[in-house]
């Protein structure tokens, strides 16, 4: 039986279109699959409850990214995450595994960046977001977004030097 609820239909469309963006960003911020899945659900539940009125797809994408980042910050700052020790041997359960060791090494290098550099790198390289849109989404100047990307590239080049760079 088809669902005739327009809000549910809209949610299904938004989830289909932005599931990778929201989950990937949450994973890049939290570095844990289970926490990223929780944030993923919370972002789309918030979308359903608040029903933000976005003028176009870039505005909707921006809203979803900002909401994801805010919820990730709240999660990272929670008493649970600040006081509970993360198990070192939990890496197998939480680590992202790609099809090649090269991809795994690059992901680990990106995840080791400070948040202010990791977010623009993730949005630029993994989400193909233009610098101007990154700047708007992060509420920073376009020059600042370019600078963060530049500094992140330098850091990544140093980290991966020898393995991937001459």
N, C-alpha and C. Protein backbone atom coordinates (compact mmCIF):
# COMPACT_ATOMS: atom_id res chain seq x y z
N UNK A 1 0.85 -1.18 0.00
CA UNK A 1 0.00 0.00 0.00
C UNK A 1 0.89 1.24 0.00
N UNK A 2 0.76 2.11 -1.00
CA UNK A 2 1.61 3.30 -1.09
C UNK A 2 1.30 4.30 0.02
N UNK A 3 2.34 5.03 0.41
CA UNK A 3 2.20 6.05 1.45
C UNK A 3 1.82 7.38 0.80
N UNK A 4 0.68 7.94 1.18
CA UNK A 4 0.21 9.20 0.59
C UNK A 4 0.57 10.41 1.43
N UNK A 5 1.37 10.23 2.46
CA UNK A 5 1.79 11.32 3.33
C UNK A 5 2.89 12.11 2.64
N UNK A 6 2.64 13.40 2.28
CA UNK A 6 3.66 14.18 1.56
C UNK A 6 4.93 14.39 2.39
N UNK A 7 4.81 14.53 3.71
CA UNK A 7 6.00 14.73 4.55
C UNK A 7 6.87 13.48 4.53
N UNK A 8 6.25 12.32 4.59
CA UNK A 8 7.01 11.06 4.54
C UNK A 8 7.66 10.88 3.17
N UNK A 9 6.96 11.24 2.12
CA UNK A 9 7.52 11.14 0.76
C UNK A 9 8.71 12.07 0.60
N UNK A 10 8.59 13.28 1.13
CA UNK A 10 9.69 14.24 1.07
C UNK A 10 10.89 13.73 1.86
N UNK A 11 10.64 13.20 3.05
CA UNK A 11 11.72 12.65 3.86
C UNK A 11 12.42 11.51 3.13
N UNK A 12 11.67 10.64 2.51
CA UNK A 12 12.26 9.52 1.77
C UNK A 12 13.15 10.04 0.64
N UNK A 13 12.69 11.06 -0.07
CA UNK A 13 13.48 11.63 -1.17
C UNK A 13 14.76 12.26 -0.64
N UNK A 14 14.66 13.05 0.44
CA UNK A 14 15.82 13.73 1.00
C UNK A 14 16.81 12.70 1.53
N UNK A 15 16.31 11.67 2.19
CA UNK A 15 17.21 10.63 2.70
C UNK A 15 17.93 9.93 1.55
N UNK A 16 17.21 9.64 0.49
CA UNK A 16 17.82 8.97 -0.67
C UNK A 16 18.90 9.85 -1.29
N UNK A 17 18.61 11.14 -1.43
CA UNK A 17 19.53 12.05 -2.09
C UNK A 17 20.74 12.41 -1.23
N UNK A 18 20.58 12.44 0.10
CA UNK A 18 21.64 12.97 0.96
C UNK A 18 22.17 11.99 2.01
N UNK A 19 21.79 10.73 1.89
CA UNK A 19 22.24 9.76 2.90
C UNK A 19 23.75 9.64 2.95
N UNK A 20 24.40 9.62 1.79
CA UNK A 20 25.86 9.49 1.76
C UNK A 20 26.54 10.73 2.33
N UNK A 21 26.03 11.89 2.01
CA UNK A 21 26.60 13.14 2.52
C UNK A 21 26.52 13.19 4.04
N UNK A 22 25.35 12.94 4.59
CA UNK A 22 25.15 13.03 6.03
C UNK A 22 25.96 11.96 6.76
N UNK A 23 25.87 10.71 6.30
CA UNK A 23 26.59 9.63 6.97
C UNK A 23 28.10 9.82 6.87
N UNK A 24 28.58 10.14 5.69
CA UNK A 24 30.02 10.33 5.50
C UNK A 24 30.58 11.46 6.33
N UNK A 25 29.85 12.56 6.40
CA UNK A 25 30.29 13.69 7.20
C UNK A 25 30.28 13.34 8.69
N UNK A 26 29.23 12.67 9.13
CA UNK A 26 29.16 12.24 10.54
C UNK A 26 30.31 11.29 10.86
N UNK A 27 30.59 10.38 9.97
CA UNK A 27 31.68 9.43 10.18
C UNK A 27 33.02 10.16 10.22
N UNK A 28 33.19 11.16 9.37
CA UNK A 28 34.46 11.90 9.37
C UNK A 28 34.64 12.71 10.65
N UNK A 29 33.54 13.10 11.28
CA UNK A 29 33.62 13.88 12.51
C UNK A 29 33.74 13.02 13.76
N UNK A 30 33.04 11.91 13.76
CA UNK A 30 32.96 11.08 14.97
C UNK A 30 33.93 9.89 14.96
N UNK A 31 34.36 9.50 13.75
CA UNK A 31 35.34 8.42 13.57
C UNK A 31 34.85 7.10 14.16
N UNK A 32 33.54 6.91 14.16
CA UNK A 32 32.96 5.72 14.74
C UNK A 32 31.65 5.43 14.01
N UNK A 33 31.52 4.22 13.48
CA UNK A 33 30.34 3.89 12.69
C UNK A 33 29.04 3.98 13.48
N UNK A 34 29.06 3.46 14.71
CA UNK A 34 27.83 3.46 15.50
C UNK A 34 27.38 4.88 15.83
N UNK A 35 28.32 5.74 16.22
CA UNK A 35 27.96 7.13 16.52
C UNK A 35 27.48 7.85 15.25
N UNK A 36 28.12 7.56 14.12
CA UNK A 36 27.72 8.18 12.85
C UNK A 36 26.30 7.75 12.47
N UNK A 37 25.97 6.48 12.72
CA UNK A 37 24.62 6.00 12.43
C UNK A 37 23.59 6.70 13.32
N UNK A 38 23.94 6.92 14.58
CA UNK A 38 23.04 7.64 15.49
C UNK A 38 22.79 9.07 14.99
N UNK A 39 23.87 9.75 14.60
CA UNK A 39 23.74 11.13 14.09
C UNK A 39 22.94 11.14 12.80
N UNK A 40 23.19 10.18 11.94
CA UNK A 40 22.44 10.06 10.69
C UNK A 40 20.94 10.04 10.98
N UNK A 41 20.53 9.19 11.90
CA UNK A 41 19.11 9.10 12.24
C UNK A 41 18.61 10.41 12.85
N UNK A 42 19.41 11.00 13.70
CA UNK A 42 18.99 12.24 14.37
C UNK A 42 18.84 13.39 13.38
N UNK A 43 19.72 13.47 12.38
CA UNK A 43 19.63 14.53 11.37
C UNK A 43 18.32 14.42 10.62
N UNK A 44 17.99 13.23 10.15
CA UNK A 44 16.77 13.09 9.36
C UNK A 44 15.50 13.16 10.21
N UNK A 45 15.59 12.77 11.46
CA UNK A 45 14.47 12.96 12.37
C UNK A 45 14.24 14.46 12.61
N UNK A 46 15.33 15.20 12.78
CA UNK A 46 15.23 16.65 12.94
C UNK A 46 14.63 17.28 11.68
N UNK A 47 15.07 16.82 10.52
CA UNK A 47 14.51 17.33 9.26
C UNK A 47 13.01 17.09 9.21
N UNK A 48 12.59 15.88 9.57
CA UNK A 48 11.17 15.53 9.53
C UNK A 48 10.36 16.38 10.50
N UNK A 49 10.88 16.56 11.71
CA UNK A 49 10.17 17.33 12.74
C UNK A 49 10.09 18.82 12.42
N UNK A 50 11.21 19.38 11.96
CA UNK A 50 11.26 20.83 11.74
C UNK A 50 10.77 21.25 10.37
N UNK A 51 10.84 20.34 9.40
CA UNK A 51 10.43 20.62 8.03
C UNK A 51 10.95 21.98 7.56
N UNK A 52 12.28 22.16 7.49
CA UNK A 52 12.82 23.46 7.10
C UNK A 52 12.39 23.83 5.67
N UNK A 53 12.13 25.09 5.49
CA UNK A 53 11.72 25.57 4.18
C UNK A 53 12.95 26.07 3.43
N UNK A 54 13.51 25.24 2.61
CA UNK A 54 14.70 25.59 1.83
C UNK A 54 14.28 25.96 0.42
N UNK A 55 14.86 27.05 -0.08
CA UNK A 55 14.48 27.56 -1.40
C UNK A 55 14.90 26.65 -2.54
N UNK A 56 16.05 25.98 -2.37
CA UNK A 56 16.58 25.16 -3.45
C UNK A 56 17.44 24.04 -2.86
N UNK A 57 17.94 23.18 -3.72
CA UNK A 57 18.75 22.04 -3.28
C UNK A 57 20.04 22.46 -2.57
N UNK A 58 20.78 23.48 -3.05
CA UNK A 58 21.98 23.88 -2.31
C UNK A 58 21.66 24.36 -0.88
N UNK A 59 20.53 25.03 -0.70
CA UNK A 59 20.14 25.48 0.64
C UNK A 59 19.79 24.29 1.52
N UNK A 60 19.12 23.30 0.95
CA UNK A 60 18.79 22.09 1.70
C UNK A 60 20.06 21.33 2.08
N UNK A 61 20.97 21.20 1.14
CA UNK A 61 22.24 20.53 1.39
C UNK A 61 23.01 21.24 2.51
N UNK A 62 23.03 22.55 2.44
CA UNK A 62 23.68 23.37 3.47
C UNK A 62 23.03 23.12 4.83
N UNK A 63 21.71 23.10 4.89
CA UNK A 63 21.00 22.87 6.14
C UNK A 63 21.37 21.50 6.71
N UNK A 64 21.37 20.49 5.87
CA UNK A 64 21.69 19.14 6.33
C UNK A 64 23.13 19.04 6.83
N UNK A 65 24.06 19.69 6.14
CA UNK A 65 25.47 19.66 6.56
C UNK A 65 25.64 20.40 7.88
N UNK A 66 25.05 21.58 7.99
CA UNK A 66 25.16 22.35 9.25
C UNK A 66 24.55 21.56 10.41
N UNK A 67 23.40 20.96 10.18
CA UNK A 67 22.74 20.18 11.22
C UNK A 67 23.61 18.99 11.61
N UNK A 68 24.19 18.32 10.64
CA UNK A 68 25.08 17.18 10.92
C UNK A 68 26.28 17.64 11.74
N UNK A 69 26.92 18.72 11.33
CA UNK A 69 28.09 19.22 12.06
C UNK A 69 27.72 19.63 13.49
N UNK A 70 26.59 20.30 13.65
CA UNK A 70 26.17 20.72 14.99
C UNK A 70 25.88 19.52 15.89
N UNK A 71 25.20 18.52 15.36
CA UNK A 71 24.91 17.33 16.16
C UNK A 71 26.18 16.55 16.49
N UNK A 72 27.13 16.53 15.57
CA UNK A 72 28.41 15.88 15.83
C UNK A 72 29.17 16.60 16.94
N UNK A 73 29.18 17.92 16.89
CA UNK A 73 29.84 18.69 17.95
C UNK A 73 29.20 18.44 19.29
N UNK A 74 27.87 18.41 19.30
CA UNK A 74 27.16 18.14 20.55
C UNK A 74 27.50 16.74 21.06
N UNK A 75 27.57 15.79 20.17
CA UNK A 75 27.92 14.42 20.57
C UNK A 75 29.33 14.35 21.12
N UNK A 76 30.27 14.98 20.44
CA UNK A 76 31.66 14.96 20.89
C UNK A 76 31.83 15.65 22.24
N UNK A 77 31.00 16.64 22.53
CA UNK A 77 31.10 17.39 23.77
C UNK A 77 30.27 16.80 24.90
N UNK A 78 29.51 15.75 24.61
CA UNK A 78 28.63 15.17 25.63
C UNK A 78 29.45 14.57 26.77
N UNK A 79 28.83 14.50 27.91
CA UNK A 79 29.49 13.93 29.09
C UNK A 79 29.94 12.50 28.80
N UNK A 80 29.11 11.75 28.13
CA UNK A 80 29.46 10.37 27.80
C UNK A 80 30.77 10.31 27.02
N UNK A 81 30.89 11.10 25.97
CA UNK A 81 32.08 11.05 25.13
C UNK A 81 33.30 11.70 25.77
N UNK A 82 33.10 12.60 26.71
CA UNK A 82 34.26 13.23 27.34
C UNK A 82 34.78 12.44 28.53
N UNK A 83 33.92 11.60 29.13
CA UNK A 83 34.34 10.88 30.34
C UNK A 83 34.56 9.39 30.15
N UNK A 84 33.96 8.82 29.14
CA UNK A 84 34.11 7.39 28.92
C UNK A 84 35.33 7.15 28.04
N UNK A 85 36.17 6.24 28.47
CA UNK A 85 37.36 5.91 27.68
C UNK A 85 36.94 5.06 26.49
N UNK A 86 37.48 5.42 25.35
CA UNK A 86 37.22 4.63 24.15
C UNK A 86 38.15 3.44 24.17
N UNK A 87 37.62 2.27 23.90
CA UNK A 87 38.44 1.06 23.88
C UNK A 87 39.38 1.11 22.70
N UNK A 88 40.63 0.83 22.95
CA UNK A 88 41.62 0.80 21.87
C UNK A 88 41.38 -0.37 20.93
N UNK A 89 40.89 -1.50 21.48
CA UNK A 89 40.68 -2.68 20.66
C UNK A 89 39.35 -2.63 19.89
N UNK A 90 38.61 -1.53 20.01
CA UNK A 90 37.34 -1.40 19.30
C UNK A 90 37.54 -0.97 17.85
N UNK A 91 38.77 -0.73 17.46
CA UNK A 91 39.06 -0.26 16.11
C UNK A 91 38.50 -1.13 15.02
N UNK A 92 38.52 -2.44 15.20
CA UNK A 92 37.99 -3.35 14.19
C UNK A 92 36.50 -3.10 13.95
N UNK A 93 35.77 -2.79 15.02
CA UNK A 93 34.33 -2.58 14.90
C UNK A 93 33.98 -1.22 14.32
N UNK A 94 34.85 -0.24 14.51
CA UNK A 94 34.49 1.12 14.14
C UNK A 94 35.24 1.64 12.92
N UNK A 95 36.31 1.00 12.53
CA UNK A 95 37.13 1.52 11.43
C UNK A 95 36.41 1.37 10.09
N UNK A 96 36.64 2.33 9.22
CA UNK A 96 36.12 2.27 7.87
C UNK A 96 37.12 1.46 7.05
N UNK A 97 36.62 0.54 6.27
CA UNK A 97 37.49 -0.28 5.44
C UNK A 97 37.16 -0.06 3.98
N UNK A 98 38.18 0.33 3.22
CA UNK A 98 38.03 0.52 1.79
C UNK A 98 38.58 -0.69 1.05
N UNK A 99 38.44 -0.70 -0.24
CA UNK A 99 38.86 -1.86 -1.01
C UNK A 99 40.37 -1.95 -1.19
N UNK A 100 41.09 -0.86 -0.99
CA UNK A 100 42.54 -0.91 -1.14
C UNK A 100 43.23 -0.28 0.07
N UNK A 101 44.45 -0.70 0.29
CA UNK A 101 45.23 -0.15 1.40
C UNK A 101 45.51 1.34 1.17
N UNK A 102 45.70 1.74 -0.08
CA UNK A 102 45.94 3.15 -0.40
C UNK A 102 44.76 4.01 0.07
N UNK A 103 43.54 3.57 -0.25
CA UNK A 103 42.35 4.32 0.18
C UNK A 103 42.27 4.37 1.70
N UNK A 104 42.57 3.26 2.36
CA UNK A 104 42.56 3.23 3.83
C UNK A 104 43.58 4.20 4.40
N UNK A 105 44.78 4.25 3.83
CA UNK A 105 45.83 5.15 4.31
C UNK A 105 45.42 6.61 4.13
N UNK A 106 44.84 6.93 2.99
CA UNK A 106 44.42 8.31 2.73
C UNK A 106 43.29 8.70 3.68
N UNK A 107 42.31 7.81 3.89
CA UNK A 107 41.22 8.09 4.82
C UNK A 107 41.77 8.34 6.22
N UNK A 108 42.68 7.51 6.67
CA UNK A 108 43.28 7.68 8.01
C UNK A 108 44.01 9.02 8.11
N UNK A 109 44.71 9.39 7.05
CA UNK A 109 45.42 10.68 7.05
C UNK A 109 44.43 11.83 7.13
N UNK A 110 43.34 11.74 6.39
CA UNK A 110 42.31 12.80 6.44
C UNK A 110 41.68 12.84 7.83
N UNK A 111 41.41 11.68 8.41
CA UNK A 111 40.78 11.63 9.74
C UNK A 111 41.71 12.17 10.84
N UNK A 112 43.01 12.18 10.58
CA UNK A 112 43.95 12.68 11.58
C UNK A 112 44.06 14.21 11.58
N UNK A 113 43.47 14.86 10.57
CA UNK A 113 43.50 16.32 10.52
C UNK A 113 42.63 16.92 11.62
N UNK A 114 42.97 18.14 12.02
CA UNK A 114 42.11 18.88 12.95
C UNK A 114 40.77 19.10 12.26
N UNK A 115 39.72 19.24 13.06
CA UNK A 115 38.37 19.38 12.51
C UNK A 115 38.25 20.55 11.53
N UNK A 116 38.88 21.68 11.84
CA UNK A 116 38.73 22.85 10.96
C UNK A 116 39.32 22.61 9.58
N UNK A 117 40.21 21.62 9.44
CA UNK A 117 40.76 21.26 8.14
C UNK A 117 40.05 20.04 7.56
N UNK A 118 39.65 19.12 8.42
CA UNK A 118 39.03 17.88 7.98
C UNK A 118 37.69 18.14 7.28
N UNK A 119 36.89 19.05 7.82
CA UNK A 119 35.56 19.30 7.24
C UNK A 119 35.67 19.85 5.82
N UNK A 120 36.46 20.90 5.57
CA UNK A 120 36.55 21.38 4.18
C UNK A 120 37.13 20.33 3.23
N UNK A 121 38.10 19.56 3.69
CA UNK A 121 38.67 18.51 2.84
C UNK A 121 37.60 17.48 2.50
N UNK A 122 36.85 17.07 3.51
CA UNK A 122 35.80 16.08 3.25
C UNK A 122 34.78 16.64 2.25
N UNK A 123 34.32 17.85 2.48
CA UNK A 123 33.31 18.43 1.59
C UNK A 123 33.84 18.63 0.17
N UNK A 124 35.09 19.04 0.05
CA UNK A 124 35.67 19.31 -1.27
C UNK A 124 35.95 18.03 -2.05
N UNK A 125 36.63 17.08 -1.41
CA UNK A 125 37.07 15.89 -2.13
C UNK A 125 36.06 14.74 -2.13
N UNK A 126 35.32 14.58 -1.07
CA UNK A 126 34.39 13.46 -1.00
C UNK A 126 32.99 13.83 -1.46
N UNK A 127 32.63 15.10 -1.33
CA UNK A 127 31.29 15.55 -1.72
C UNK A 127 31.30 16.45 -2.96
N UNK A 128 32.48 16.69 -3.52
CA UNK A 128 32.63 17.52 -4.73
C UNK A 128 31.95 18.88 -4.59
N UNK A 129 32.07 19.46 -3.41
CA UNK A 129 31.45 20.75 -3.15
C UNK A 129 32.41 21.87 -3.54
N UNK A 130 31.95 22.88 -4.27
CA UNK A 130 32.83 23.99 -4.62
C UNK A 130 33.22 24.80 -3.38
N UNK A 131 34.36 25.47 -3.48
CA UNK A 131 34.90 26.23 -2.35
C UNK A 131 33.90 27.29 -1.87
N UNK A 132 33.24 27.97 -2.79
CA UNK A 132 32.28 29.01 -2.40
C UNK A 132 31.14 28.42 -1.56
N UNK A 133 30.67 27.25 -1.93
CA UNK A 133 29.58 26.61 -1.18
C UNK A 133 30.09 26.11 0.18
N UNK A 134 31.32 25.62 0.23
CA UNK A 134 31.92 25.21 1.50
C UNK A 134 31.96 26.41 2.44
N UNK A 135 32.42 27.53 1.92
CA UNK A 135 32.51 28.75 2.74
C UNK A 135 31.14 29.15 3.28
N UNK A 136 30.12 29.14 2.42
CA UNK A 136 28.77 29.49 2.87
C UNK A 136 28.28 28.51 3.93
N UNK A 137 28.51 27.24 3.70
CA UNK A 137 28.05 26.20 4.63
C UNK A 137 28.71 26.32 5.99
N UNK A 138 30.01 26.62 5.99
CA UNK A 138 30.75 26.71 7.25
C UNK A 138 30.72 28.12 7.85
N UNK A 139 30.03 29.04 7.17
CA UNK A 139 29.92 30.44 7.63
C UNK A 139 31.30 31.08 7.80
N UNK A 140 32.15 30.89 6.79
CA UNK A 140 33.47 31.50 6.77
C UNK A 140 33.67 32.17 5.42
N UNK A 141 34.68 33.03 5.33
CA UNK A 141 35.00 33.67 4.05
C UNK A 141 35.52 32.63 3.08
N UNK A 142 35.35 32.92 1.80
CA UNK A 142 35.86 32.01 0.78
C UNK A 142 37.38 31.89 0.87
N UNK A 143 38.06 33.00 1.18
CA UNK A 143 39.51 32.97 1.35
C UNK A 143 39.93 32.05 2.50
N UNK A 144 39.14 32.05 3.57
CA UNK A 144 39.43 31.17 4.71
C UNK A 144 39.25 29.71 4.33
N UNK A 145 38.23 29.43 3.53
CA UNK A 145 38.00 28.05 3.08
C UNK A 145 39.17 27.59 2.20
N UNK A 146 39.62 28.47 1.30
CA UNK A 146 40.77 28.13 0.45
C UNK A 146 42.02 27.90 1.29
N UNK A 147 42.22 28.74 2.31
CA UNK A 147 43.39 28.61 3.17
C UNK A 147 43.35 27.30 3.95
N UNK A 148 42.18 26.94 4.45
CA UNK A 148 42.06 25.68 5.19
C UNK A 148 42.35 24.48 4.29
N UNK A 149 41.87 24.54 3.06
CA UNK A 149 42.15 23.46 2.12
C UNK A 149 43.65 23.39 1.81
N UNK A 150 44.26 24.54 1.62
CA UNK A 150 45.68 24.60 1.32
C UNK A 150 46.51 24.03 2.47
N UNK A 151 46.20 24.43 3.68
CA UNK A 151 46.93 23.93 4.85
C UNK A 151 46.70 22.43 5.04
N UNK A 152 45.49 21.99 4.80
CA UNK A 152 45.19 20.56 4.93
C UNK A 152 45.98 19.76 3.90
N UNK A 153 46.06 20.27 2.67
CA UNK A 153 46.83 19.57 1.63
C UNK A 153 48.30 19.45 2.02
N UNK A 154 48.85 20.54 2.57
CA UNK A 154 50.25 20.50 3.00
C UNK A 154 50.46 19.47 4.10
N UNK A 155 49.55 19.44 5.05
CA UNK A 155 49.65 18.48 6.15
C UNK A 155 49.52 17.05 5.62
N UNK A 156 48.57 16.84 4.73
CA UNK A 156 48.39 15.50 4.15
C UNK A 156 49.59 15.08 3.34
N UNK A 157 50.17 16.02 2.61
CA UNK A 157 51.35 15.69 1.81
C UNK A 157 52.50 15.25 2.72
N UNK A 158 52.68 15.96 3.84
CA UNK A 158 53.74 15.57 4.79
C UNK A 158 53.47 14.19 5.38
N UNK A 159 52.22 13.94 5.76
CA UNK A 159 51.85 12.65 6.36
C UNK A 159 52.02 11.49 5.40
N UNK A 160 51.70 11.74 4.17
CA UNK A 160 51.72 10.66 3.18
C UNK A 160 53.02 10.63 2.37
N UNK A 161 53.93 11.53 2.68
CA UNK A 161 55.20 11.61 1.96
C UNK A 161 55.95 10.30 2.09
N UNK A 162 56.58 9.92 1.02
CA UNK A 162 57.31 8.68 1.03
C UNK A 162 56.46 7.54 0.52
N UNK A 163 55.19 7.49 0.97
CA UNK A 163 54.30 6.44 0.52
C UNK A 163 53.66 6.79 -0.83
N UNK A 164 53.19 8.03 -0.94
CA UNK A 164 52.45 8.41 -2.15
C UNK A 164 53.04 9.62 -2.86
N UNK A 165 53.92 10.36 -2.18
CA UNK A 165 54.53 11.54 -2.79
C UNK A 165 56.03 11.37 -2.78
N UNK A 166 56.66 11.85 -3.80
CA UNK A 166 58.13 11.77 -3.88
C UNK A 166 58.76 12.92 -3.15
